[in-house]
Amino acid sequence: MRFIFLLLLITSLFAENHKSHNEHHIYKELSHLDLSTDQNMELKIILKEFRTQLKEFKDLEKEIEEKRKELFLLDSFKVNEVDALNHLLDDKAHGIENNFLNKIHLILTIEQRKKFMDYFDDWKVK
């Protein structure tokens, strides 16, 4: 019985520590990287380009969604056309991600890259 109590106590301590760590994280926020002034300036340029590309991606995503709806309403469903639209969207998302990650990689130190990886999923194009 003591073992179970001890196990629950230890588990709750780790869970509480993990919870408080996640509570302090702000989505797509990079202050934990401790960037230099030069890195901050370069990052602002990279982020501006990334936001522009994301806006263009969202516009493309809306267009493709409309085209998929139109294709679905046709008498015969054209799987190849829908598949081509899906691939176009995926390719665009991967291109934006790869471009962003390449530029970020160039300005971060190895220690900063390790910290960046903690929140890597924040930067996926969705």
Protein backbone atom coordinates (compact mmCIF):
# COMPACT_ATOMS: atom_id res chain seq x y z
CA MET A 1 0.00 0.00 0.00
CA ARG A 2 2.86 2.38 0.81
CA PHE A 3 4.42 1.57 -2.54
CA ILE A 4 1.26 2.57 -4.40
CA PHE A 5 0.98 5.78 -2.39
CA LEU A 6 4.64 6.60 -3.10
CA LEU A 7 4.16 5.86 -6.80
CA LEU A 8 1.09 8.12 -6.98
CA LEU A 9 2.97 10.89 -5.16
CA ILE A 10 5.93 10.73 -7.53
CA THR A 11 3.65 10.61 -10.58
CA SER A 12 1.70 13.64 -9.42
CA LEU A 13 4.92 15.59 -8.85
CA PHE A 14 6.10 14.92 -12.39
CA ALA A 15 2.68 15.69 -13.80
CA GLU A 16 2.53 18.99 -11.91
CA ASN A 17 6.00 19.97 -13.14
CA HIS A 18 5.05 19.14 -16.73
CA LYS A 19 1.77 21.03 -16.40
CA SER A 20 3.41 24.23 -15.15
CA HIS A 21 6.03 24.05 -17.91
CA ASN A 22 3.32 23.88 -20.56
CA GLU A 23 1.27 26.64 -18.94
CA HIS A 24 4.14 29.08 -19.51
CA HIS A 25 4.63 28.24 -23.18
CA ILE A 26 3.13 30.66 -25.67
CA TYR A 27 2.38 29.25 -29.12
CA LYS A 28 5.01 30.26 -31.71
CA GLU A 29 6.97 32.29 -29.17
CA LEU A 30 10.78 32.16 -29.30
CA SER A 31 12.02 34.07 -26.24
CA HIS A 32 13.26 30.80 -24.72
CA LEU A 33 15.99 30.75 -27.39
CA ASP A 34 17.87 33.73 -25.91
CA LEU A 35 18.58 35.25 -29.32
CA SER A 36 21.25 37.87 -29.87
CA THR A 37 20.37 41.29 -31.29
CA ASP A 38 21.57 40.26 -34.76
CA GLN A 39 19.61 37.01 -34.58
CA ASN A 40 16.49 38.92 -33.53
CA MET A 41 16.81 41.24 -36.53
CA GLU A 42 17.28 38.32 -38.92
CA LEU A 43 14.43 36.43 -37.29
CA LYS A 44 12.03 39.35 -37.78
CA ILE A 45 12.71 39.23 -41.51
CA ILE A 46 12.27 35.43 -41.59
CA LEU A 47 9.02 35.60 -39.61
CA LYS A 48 7.62 38.35 -41.82
CA GLU A 49 8.25 36.22 -44.90
CA PHE A 50 6.81 33.16 -43.10
CA ARG A 51 3.61 35.04 -42.20
CA THR A 52 3.25 36.27 -45.80
CA GLN A 53 3.68 32.73 -47.10
CA LEU A 54 1.16 31.42 -44.54
CA LYS A 55 -1.41 33.97 -45.67
CA GLU A 56 -0.89 32.94 -49.29
CA PHE A 57 -1.19 29.30 -48.21
CA LYS A 58 -4.48 29.96 -46.41
CA ASP A 59 -5.82 31.69 -49.53
CA LEU A 60 -4.75 28.73 -51.68
CA GLU A 61 -6.30 26.36 -49.16
CA LYS A 62 -9.66 28.16 -49.48
CA GLU A 63 -9.46 28.03 -53.28
CA ILE A 64 -8.69 24.33 -53.24
CA GLU A 65 -11.49 23.63 -50.79
CA GLU A 66 -13.93 25.35 -53.14
CA LYS A 67 -12.61 23.33 -56.09
CA ARG A 68 -12.96 20.09 -54.11
CA LYS A 69 -16.56 20.97 -53.27
CA GLU A 70 -17.27 21.68 -56.94
CA LEU A 71 -15.72 18.36 -57.93
CA PHE A 72 -17.77 16.52 -55.34
CA LEU A 73 -21.00 17.97 -56.69
CA LEU A 74 -20.34 16.67 -60.22
CA ASP A 75 -22.18 13.60 -61.48
CA SER A 76 -19.00 11.55 -61.39
CA PHE A 77 -16.37 11.89 -58.71
CA LYS A 78 -12.93 12.55 -60.19
CA VAL A 79 -10.54 11.06 -57.67
CA ASN A 80 -7.46 11.97 -59.69
CA GLU A 81 -8.37 15.67 -59.74
CA VAL A 82 -9.09 15.75 -56.01
CA ASP A 83 -5.86 13.88 -55.36
CA ALA A 84 -3.93 16.40 -57.47
CA LEU A 85 -5.43 19.27 -55.47
CA ASN A 86 -4.50 17.57 -52.20
CA HIS A 87 -0.93 17.03 -53.40
CA LEU A 88 -0.66 20.65 -54.50
CA LEU A 89 -1.70 21.79 -51.03
CA ASP A 90 0.66 19.36 -49.29
CA ASP A 91 3.58 20.36 -51.51
CA LYS A 92 2.95 24.05 -50.82
CA ALA A 93 2.80 23.44 -47.03
CA HIS A 94 6.02 21.41 -47.05
CA GLY A 95 7.77 24.04 -49.17
CA ILE A 96 6.85 26.81 -46.74
CA GLU A 97 7.95 24.71 -43.75
CA ASN A 98 11.23 23.70 -45.37
CA ASN A 99 12.04 27.27 -46.37
CA PHE A 100 11.31 28.54 -42.85
CA LEU A 101 13.27 25.78 -41.12
CA ASN A 102 16.24 26.22 -43.44
CA LYS A 103 16.45 29.93 -42.68
CA ILE A 104 15.97 29.42 -38.93
CA HIS A 105 18.62 26.69 -38.95
CA LEU A 106 21.16 29.06 -40.46
CA ILE A 107 20.85 31.66 -37.69
CA LEU A 108 20.54 29.43 -34.60
CA THR A 109 23.36 27.86 -32.64
CA ILE A 110 23.23 24.14 -31.89
CA GLU A 111 22.00 24.87 -28.33
CA GLN A 112 19.26 27.14 -29.68
CA ARG A 113 18.25 24.48 -32.21
CA LYS A 114 17.84 21.98 -29.38
CA LYS A 115 15.58 24.44 -27.54
CA PHE A 116 13.68 25.16 -30.74
CA MET A 117 12.97 21.43 -31.13
CA ASP A 118 11.00 21.47 -27.86
CA TYR A 119 8.25 23.37 -29.69
CA PHE A 120 8.94 22.21 -33.23
CA ASP A 121 5.28 21.30 -33.82
CA ASP A 122 4.24 24.92 -33.30
CA TRP A 123 5.80 25.76 -36.65
CA LYS A 124 4.17 23.11 -38.81
CA VAL A 125 2.09 24.54 -41.63
CA LYS A 126 -1.44 23.31 -41.12
